[in-house]
Amino acid sequence: FRSKSYVVILWVAWILTYFSYLQSQNVLTMAKLQCDEFEFGCTLAQGILNWLVIMFQLSVLGSIFIIAASAGNVKNANPFLMVVGICATLIFIVLPFFLELSVGVVSTKKSREGINPVLYHLSVICGFVLLIDPVMSIFQRFLPEKSSLLMFVQKHMDNTRLEAAVKRAASFKMNRLVRNACDVHKAAELDGGIGQGLETRYGIAMLAFAKVSDQKEELDSFINTWKRIWNRELFEDEGIWLTTHVLAGNVAQVTVCVLLATLFAIVYSGELFQQGLDHLDKLVPGYSQRWRLLVPLFFGVICGELTIISIISKYIPSSINTILQFRSGGFESLKGNSFLKLRYAVDNSSLLFGSIFWGTFYTSVIV
């Protein structure tokens, strides 16, 4: 099997797993130095040690998990690679939910405080979703040929619809290219000169094209872009395919929205917060004063969630409009003056996923 959604869910599952089991209080306690925390040298050394632990978790464990879990996500993969992917998902995501142990920089001991239970459940749900494709791919190998169950599985796991959409997009673009060329030649014939020995047909067509080359058209609005995404016009006509990191970033933003809303609900229903509201009511006998805290609090939470929703809804249309501007010459390339700037520090694109996640998180918290 080969699935783009598998990669998206895989990255989201890794983020949830990291915050659930790797960034836990038990791990931070294990990495604590035995020295006076008020001394400058101890504080500096502790900070360096904490970052080394985080780097080890993200780089080493993250690489092992992503590479192993992605082993079977290739076309006509070996069954052994699929088993490796299944084992990686079980070891890193599913088993930590049911087992409690502490080994090195990994601790699966559960905490019932705050948003931790939500992270645990979201992580294991992503784990079970990741198991669907490899398990189904192995299962279909044992089904008899021409069975209805085998046809059903293959229908939902092959890339026939994706390949058909690619071919339709290529056909549409070629037809539009030919139509535009015919229109240019018709305009050249209307201008005259052909057959009179003044210019060749090719030369007059180039002159006609030069007259219309500076024409511009506005990009679709926010709503129209989503309409074209919904009716698949952008995919099947324009041939615009959203990359995996774009989809993973958008799903991560949705995760931030859900987690912040859940965190607020947990804090609001907590005993300590309710005691604070009761204390406010006692400040002025006979008059409830909790509204002084609840009104700005609810207003801030609602504005923060609306900010996240706004960022989520505009991220994909913004990416599509940028692609269309590059294709149509709105953003110049090759001979453009800003082309060298676009090629500068291309490795920084690896920071895109982190900026999508943390940018959305900090923006909502500040709001």
Protein backbone atom coordinates (compact mmCIF):
# COMPACT_ATOMS: atom_id res chain seq x y z
CA PHE A 1 0.00 0.00 0.00
CA ARG A 2 1.02 3.63 -0.38
CA SER A 3 -1.06 6.22 1.40
CA LYS A 4 -0.63 9.96 1.93
CA SER A 5 -3.11 9.95 4.81
CA TYR A 6 -0.94 7.32 6.53
CA VAL A 7 2.01 9.73 6.55
CA VAL A 8 -0.14 12.59 7.86
CA ILE A 9 -1.54 10.52 10.72
CA LEU A 10 1.94 9.14 11.43
CA TRP A 11 3.40 12.61 12.08
CA VAL A 12 0.42 13.67 14.20
CA ALA A 13 0.71 10.43 16.19
CA TRP A 14 4.40 11.12 16.84
CA ILE A 15 3.61 14.60 18.21
CA LEU A 16 0.92 13.22 20.50
CA THR A 17 3.19 10.38 21.64
CA TYR A 18 6.01 12.79 22.42
CA PHE A 19 3.86 14.99 24.64
CA SER A 20 2.22 11.95 26.23
CA TYR A 21 5.17 9.78 27.21
CA LEU A 22 8.48 11.48 26.37
CA GLN A 23 7.83 14.98 27.72
CA SER A 24 6.62 13.74 31.11
CA GLN A 25 7.55 14.80 34.62
CA ASN A 26 9.20 11.43 35.26
CA VAL A 27 11.63 11.97 32.40
CA LEU A 28 12.51 15.49 33.59
CA THR A 29 13.09 14.15 37.11
CA MET A 30 15.40 11.45 35.79
CA ALA A 31 17.51 14.08 33.96
CA LYS A 32 17.87 16.28 37.05
CA LEU A 33 21.38 16.90 38.36
CA GLN A 34 22.26 16.43 42.00
CA CYS A 35 23.45 19.95 42.79
CA ASP A 36 22.32 23.28 44.21
CA GLU A 37 19.72 24.54 41.73
CA PHE A 38 20.30 28.15 42.86
CA GLU A 39 23.92 28.15 41.64
CA PHE A 40 24.56 29.57 38.17
CA GLY A 41 26.72 26.64 37.08
CA CYS A 42 24.13 24.11 38.17
CA THR A 43 21.34 25.97 36.40
CA LEU A 44 23.39 26.20 33.21
CA ALA A 45 24.36 22.52 33.31
CA GLN A 46 20.76 21.49 34.01
CA GLY A 47 19.52 23.50 31.05
CA ILE A 48 22.10 21.90 28.74
CA LEU A 49 21.19 18.43 30.01
CA ASN A 50 17.46 19.05 29.49
CA TRP A 51 18.04 20.10 25.87
CA LEU A 52 20.30 17.11 25.24
CA VAL A 53 17.54 14.80 26.48
CA ILE A 54 14.98 16.55 24.26
CA MET A 55 17.34 16.35 21.26
CA PHE A 56 17.90 12.65 21.87
CA GLN A 57 14.18 11.98 22.13
CA LEU A 58 13.24 13.88 19.00
CA SER A 59 16.18 12.99 16.75
CA VAL A 60 17.02 9.43 17.73
CA LEU A 61 13.69 8.00 18.91
CA GLY A 62 11.76 10.08 16.37
CA SER A 63 13.91 8.86 13.49
CA ILE A 64 13.62 5.24 14.60
CA PHE A 65 9.84 5.47 14.92
CA ILE A 66 9.16 7.39 11.67
CA ILE A 67 11.49 5.22 9.56
CA ALA A 68 10.29 1.92 11.03
CA ALA A 69 6.59 2.83 10.90
CA SER A 70 6.93 4.03 7.29
CA ALA A 71 8.71 0.87 6.15
CA GLY A 72 5.61 -0.69 4.59
CA ASN A 73 4.20 2.51 3.09
CA VAL A 74 5.54 1.82 -0.41
CA LYS A 75 3.98 0.30 -3.50
CA ASN A 76 4.24 -3.52 -3.63
CA ALA A 77 6.00 -3.59 -0.27
CA ASN A 78 7.50 -6.76 1.13
CA PRO A 79 5.30 -8.30 3.87
CA PHE A 80 8.30 -8.18 6.21
CA LEU A 81 8.41 -4.38 5.91
CA MET A 82 4.71 -4.20 6.74
CA VAL A 83 5.31 -6.29 9.85
CA VAL A 84 8.12 -3.90 10.84
CA GLY A 85 5.72 -0.96 10.50
CA ILE A 86 3.06 -2.74 12.57
CA CYS A 87 5.59 -3.56 15.32
CA ALA A 88 6.83 0.06 15.42
CA THR A 89 3.28 1.35 15.83
CA LEU A 90 2.51 -1.19 18.55
CA ILE A 91 5.73 -0.54 20.49
CA PHE A 92 5.77 3.26 20.30
CA ILE A 93 2.05 4.10 20.43
CA VAL A 94 -0.33 1.30 21.36
CA LEU A 95 1.52 -0.62 24.11
CA PRO A 96 2.48 2.51 26.13
CA PHE A 97 -1.24 3.20 26.55
CA PHE A 98 -1.83 -0.15 28.24
CA LEU A 99 1.51 -0.61 30.05
CA GLU A 100 3.16 1.54 32.72
CA LEU A 101 6.93 1.43 32.92
CA SER A 102 9.90 3.77 33.14
CA VAL A 103 13.00 2.97 31.08
CA GLY A 104 15.66 5.60 30.40
CA VAL A 105 14.21 8.68 28.72
CA VAL A 106 10.82 6.99 28.20
CA SER A 107 8.13 6.85 30.88
CA THR A 108 4.64 5.48 30.25
CA LYS A 109 3.35 6.15 33.76
CA LYS A 110 0.04 7.91 33.39
CA SER A 111 -1.00 11.22 34.91
CA ARG A 112 -4.68 12.04 35.36
CA GLU A 113 -4.08 15.77 35.71
CA GLY A 114 -4.95 18.41 33.16
CA ILE A 115 -4.95 17.50 29.51
CA ASN A 116 -2.84 14.34 29.83
CA PRO A 117 -5.76 11.84 29.58
CA VAL A 118 -6.86 13.46 26.32
CA LEU A 119 -3.33 13.14 24.88
CA TYR A 120 -3.18 9.46 25.84
CA HIS A 121 -6.46 8.63 24.13
CA LEU A 122 -5.76 10.68 20.99
CA SER A 123 -2.37 9.00 20.67
CA VAL A 124 -3.73 5.46 20.91
CA ILE A 125 -6.57 6.28 18.49
CA CYS A 126 -4.00 7.43 15.91
CA GLY A 127 -2.08 4.21 16.60
CA PHE A 128 -5.06 2.00 15.80
CA VAL A 129 -5.79 4.04 12.65
CA LEU A 130 -2.20 3.51 11.52
CA LEU A 131 -2.62 -0.25 11.88
CA ILE A 132 -5.53 -0.41 9.41
CA ASP A 133 -3.57 -0.11 6.13
CA PRO A 134 -0.74 -2.59 6.84
CA VAL A 135 -3.06 -5.13 8.47
CA MET A 136 -5.51 -4.96 5.55
CA SER A 137 -2.64 -5.19 3.06
CA ILE A 138 -1.36 -8.38 4.72
CA PHE A 139 -4.89 -9.75 5.15
CA GLN A 140 -5.70 -9.48 1.44
CA ARG A 141 -2.78 -11.76 0.57
CA PHE A 142 -4.61 -14.67 2.23
CA LEU A 143 -7.94 -14.11 0.48
CA PRO A 144 -8.89 -16.27 -2.51
CA GLU A 145 -8.72 -14.68 -5.93
CA LYS A 146 -11.87 -13.05 -7.37
CA SER A 147 -13.58 -13.13 -3.97
CA SER A 148 -15.95 -10.27 -3.18
CA LEU A 149 -14.05 -9.43 0.01
CA LEU A 150 -10.74 -9.20 -1.89
CA MET A 151 -12.30 -6.90 -4.49
CA PHE A 152 -13.71 -4.71 -1.71
CA VAL A 153 -10.31 -4.43 0.02
CA GLN A 154 -8.45 -3.69 -3.21
CA LYS A 155 -11.00 -1.07 -4.19
CA HIS A 156 -10.36 0.89 -1.01
CA MET A 157 -6.58 0.46 -0.97
CA ASP A 158 -5.40 0.95 -4.54
CA ASN A 159 -4.48 4.25 -6.21
CA THR A 160 -6.80 3.94 -9.21
CA ARG A 161 -8.81 7.05 -8.41
CA LEU A 162 -5.66 9.05 -7.73
CA GLU A 163 -4.08 7.96 -11.02
CA ALA A 164 -7.31 8.76 -12.88
CA ALA A 165 -7.36 12.26 -11.36
CA VAL A 166 -3.73 12.83 -12.44
CA LYS A 167 -4.57 11.80 -16.01
CA ARG A 168 -7.65 14.05 -16.08
CA ALA A 169 -5.56 16.99 -14.87
CA ALA A 170 -2.93 16.33 -17.55
CA SER A 171 -5.61 16.05 -20.24
CA PHE A 172 -7.29 19.26 -19.10
CA LYS A 173 -4.02 21.21 -19.12
CA MET A 174 -3.07 19.94 -22.59
CA ASN A 175 -6.51 20.84 -23.97
CA ARG A 176 -6.26 24.30 -22.47
CA LEU A 177 -2.76 24.72 -23.92
CA VAL A 178 -4.00 23.82 -27.40
CA ARG A 179 -7.04 26.11 -27.09
CA ASN A 180 -4.86 29.03 -26.03
CA ALA A 181 -2.50 28.40 -28.95
CA CYS A 182 -5.43 28.32 -31.40
CA ASP A 183 -6.76 31.58 -29.96
CA VAL A 184 -3.38 33.26 -30.45
CA HIS A 185 -3.19 32.13 -34.09
CA LYS A 186 -6.77 33.26 -34.75
CA ALA A 187 -5.92 36.68 -33.32
CA ALA A 188 -2.86 36.79 -35.57
CA GLU A 189 -4.96 35.99 -38.65
CA LEU A 190 -7.43 38.74 -37.78
CA ASP A 191 -4.56 41.23 -37.57
CA GLY A 192 -3.68 40.40 -41.21
CA GLY A 193 -0.28 40.05 -42.80
CA ILE A 194 -0.31 36.29 -43.27
CA GLY A 195 0.10 35.28 -46.88
CA GLN A 196 1.26 38.75 -47.90
CA GLY A 197 4.94 37.97 -47.41
CA LEU A 198 5.27 40.51 -44.62
CA GLU A 199 5.72 38.10 -41.73
CA THR A 200 5.65 34.39 -41.15
CA ARG A 201 2.72 32.82 -39.38
CA TYR A 202 4.96 32.04 -36.41
CA GLY A 203 6.21 35.63 -36.14
CA ILE A 204 2.72 37.14 -36.24
CA ALA A 205 1.52 34.64 -33.64
CA MET A 206 4.39 35.64 -31.35
CA LEU A 207 3.47 39.31 -31.78
CA ALA A 208 -0.15 38.51 -30.94
CA PHE A 209 0.97 36.59 -27.87
CA ALA A 210 3.19 39.50 -26.77
CA LYS A 211 0.14 41.80 -26.82
CA VAL A 212 -1.77 39.65 -24.33
CA SER A 213 1.17 38.41 -22.24
CA ASP A 214 0.78 41.26 -19.73
CA GLN A 215 -2.87 40.54 -19.02
CA LYS A 216 -3.59 39.54 -15.43
CA GLU A 217 -6.49 37.95 -13.63
CA GLU A 218 -7.31 37.95 -9.95
CA LEU A 219 -6.93 34.83 -7.86
CA ASP A 220 -10.00 33.20 -6.41
CA SER A 221 -11.34 34.50 -3.14
CA PHE A 222 -11.17 32.54 0.09
CA ILE A 223 -14.66 31.08 -0.34
CA ASN A 224 -14.24 30.28 -4.04
CA THR A 225 -10.96 28.50 -3.36
CA TRP A 226 -12.66 26.21 -0.84
CA LYS A 227 -15.49 25.62 -3.33
CA ARG A 228 -12.97 24.52 -5.97
CA ILE A 229 -11.31 22.27 -3.40
CA TRP A 230 -14.67 20.76 -2.44
CA ASN A 231 -15.74 19.99 -6.02
CA ARG A 232 -12.17 18.75 -6.81
CA GLU A 233 -11.75 21.26 -9.62
CA LEU A 234 -8.32 22.32 -8.36
CA PHE A 235 -7.14 18.72 -8.22
CA GLU A 236 -8.65 17.32 -11.41
CA ASP A 237 -8.37 20.45 -13.60
CA GLU A 238 -5.44 22.48 -12.32
CA GLY A 239 -3.53 19.44 -11.08
CA ILE A 240 -2.69 20.97 -7.70
CA TRP A 241 -1.79 18.29 -5.16
CA LEU A 242 -1.28 19.19 -1.53
CA THR A 243 1.95 17.78 -0.15
CA THR A 244 2.08 15.61 2.94
CA HIS A 245 3.70 18.21 5.18
CA VAL A 246 0.96 20.72 4.30
CA LEU A 247 -1.78 18.27 5.28
CA ALA A 248 0.11 17.16 8.39
CA GLY A 249 0.53 20.78 9.45
CA ASN A 250 -3.16 21.47 8.97
CA VAL A 251 -4.12 18.40 11.02
CA ALA A 252 -1.67 19.52 13.72
CA GLN A 253 -3.43 22.89 13.84
CA VAL A 254 -6.77 21.14 14.30
CA THR A 255 -5.20 19.14 17.12
CA VAL A 256 -4.10 22.37 18.83
CA CYS A 257 -7.65 23.73 18.56
CA VAL A 258 -9.13 20.60 20.15
CA LEU A 259 -6.50 20.36 22.89
CA LEU A 260 -6.87 24.00 23.98
CA ALA A 261 -10.66 23.70 24.13
CA THR A 262 -10.33 20.50 26.15
CA LEU A 263 -7.78 22.09 28.49
CA PHE A 264 -10.11 25.00 29.18
CA ALA A 265 -13.01 22.63 29.91
CA ILE A 266 -10.84 20.65 32.35
CA VAL A 267 -9.60 23.76 34.15
CA TYR A 268 -13.07 25.29 34.34
CA SER A 269 -14.62 22.15 35.82
CA GLY A 270 -11.75 21.66 38.26
CA GLU A 271 -12.30 21.96 41.99
CA LEU A 272 -9.67 24.69 42.47
CA PHE A 273 -11.24 26.94 39.83
CA GLN A 274 -14.72 26.48 41.27
CA GLN A 275 -13.40 27.36 44.72
CA GLY A 276 -11.98 30.56 43.27
CA LEU A 277 -15.38 31.44 41.81
CA ASP A 278 -17.02 30.79 45.19
CA HIS A 279 -14.46 33.06 46.84
CA LEU A 280 -15.34 35.85 44.39
CA ASP A 281 -19.03 35.51 45.30
CA LYS A 282 -18.18 36.02 48.99
CA LEU A 283 -16.37 39.33 48.41
CA VAL A 284 -19.63 41.27 48.08
CA PRO A 285 -22.44 39.63 50.08
CA GLY A 286 -25.67 39.35 48.14
CA TYR A 287 -24.06 40.01 44.75
CA SER A 288 -22.35 37.50 42.51
CA GLN A 289 -18.94 38.69 41.37
CA ARG A 290 -17.84 35.67 39.35
CA TRP A 291 -18.90 37.35 36.14
CA ARG A 292 -15.90 39.69 36.47
CA LEU A 293 -13.66 36.68 35.82
CA LEU A 294 -15.89 34.56 33.60
CA VAL A 295 -16.79 37.23 31.03
CA PRO A 296 -13.22 38.15 30.01
CA LEU A 297 -12.14 34.51 30.34
CA PHE A 298 -14.83 33.17 28.02
CA PHE A 299 -14.31 36.09 25.65
CA GLY A 300 -10.57 35.37 25.47
CA VAL A 301 -11.07 31.62 24.94
CA ILE A 302 -13.64 32.19 22.19
CA CYS A 303 -11.39 34.71 20.43
CA GLY A 304 -8.43 32.34 20.74
CA GLU A 305 -10.38 29.44 19.22
CA LEU A 306 -11.72 31.66 16.43
CA THR A 307 -8.14 32.73 15.72
CA ILE A 308 -7.06 29.10 15.37
CA ILE A 309 -10.04 28.31 13.13
CA SER A 310 -9.19 31.33 10.97
CA ILE A 311 -5.56 30.18 10.61
CA ILE A 312 -6.64 26.60 9.84
CA SER A 313 -9.15 27.65 7.19
CA LYS A 314 -6.74 30.04 5.42
CA TYR A 315 -3.63 27.86 5.41
CA ILE A 316 -4.50 25.58 2.48
CA PRO A 317 -6.08 28.33 0.28
CA SER A 318 -2.98 30.45 0.86
CA SER A 319 -0.74 27.58 -0.23
CA ILE A 320 -2.85 27.00 -3.36
CA ASN A 321 -2.81 30.69 -4.33
CA THR A 322 0.98 30.74 -3.93
CA ILE A 323 1.28 27.72 -6.24
CA LEU A 324 -0.95 29.38 -8.84
CA GLN A 325 1.12 32.57 -8.72
CA PHE A 326 4.31 30.61 -9.34
CA ARG A 327 2.68 28.78 -12.25
CA SER A 328 1.25 31.89 -13.89
CA GLY A 329 4.29 34.14 -13.41
CA GLY A 330 2.86 36.20 -10.57
CA PHE A 331 6.02 35.25 -8.70
CA GLU A 332 8.87 35.54 -11.16
CA SER A 333 11.48 32.81 -11.45
CA LEU A 334 14.70 32.23 -13.38
CA LYS A 335 15.14 35.74 -14.79
CA GLY A 336 13.25 37.48 -11.98
CA ASN A 337 15.15 39.81 -9.67
CA SER A 338 13.84 38.02 -6.58
CA PHE A 339 14.63 34.51 -7.81
CA LEU A 340 17.92 34.28 -5.90
CA LYS A 341 16.10 35.28 -2.70
CA LEU A 342 13.68 32.40 -3.19
CA ARG A 343 16.58 29.96 -3.52
CA TYR A 344 18.31 31.21 -0.37
CA ALA A 345 18.29 28.89 2.66
CA VAL A 346 15.97 26.31 1.08
CA ASP A 347 16.87 23.95 3.95
CA ASN A 348 14.78 26.14 6.24
CA SER A 349 11.69 24.50 4.75
CA SER A 350 12.29 21.74 7.29
CA LEU A 351 11.24 24.24 9.96
CA LEU A 352 7.83 24.66 8.35
CA PHE A 353 6.04 21.91 10.27
CA GLY A 354 7.25 23.18 13.65
CA SER A 355 6.32 26.78 12.83
CA ILE A 356 2.84 25.65 11.77
CA PHE A 357 2.24 23.86 15.06
CA TRP A 358 3.92 26.22 17.54
CA GLY A 359 2.88 29.37 15.68
CA THR A 360 -0.76 28.38 15.98
CA PHE A 361 -0.34 27.38 19.63
CA TYR A 362 1.39 30.56 20.79
CA THR A 363 -0.92 32.79 18.75
CA SER A 364 -4.02 31.33 20.38
CA VAL A 365 -2.49 31.44 23.89
CA ILE A 366 -1.46 35.09 23.52
CA VAL A 367 -4.90 36.04 22.21
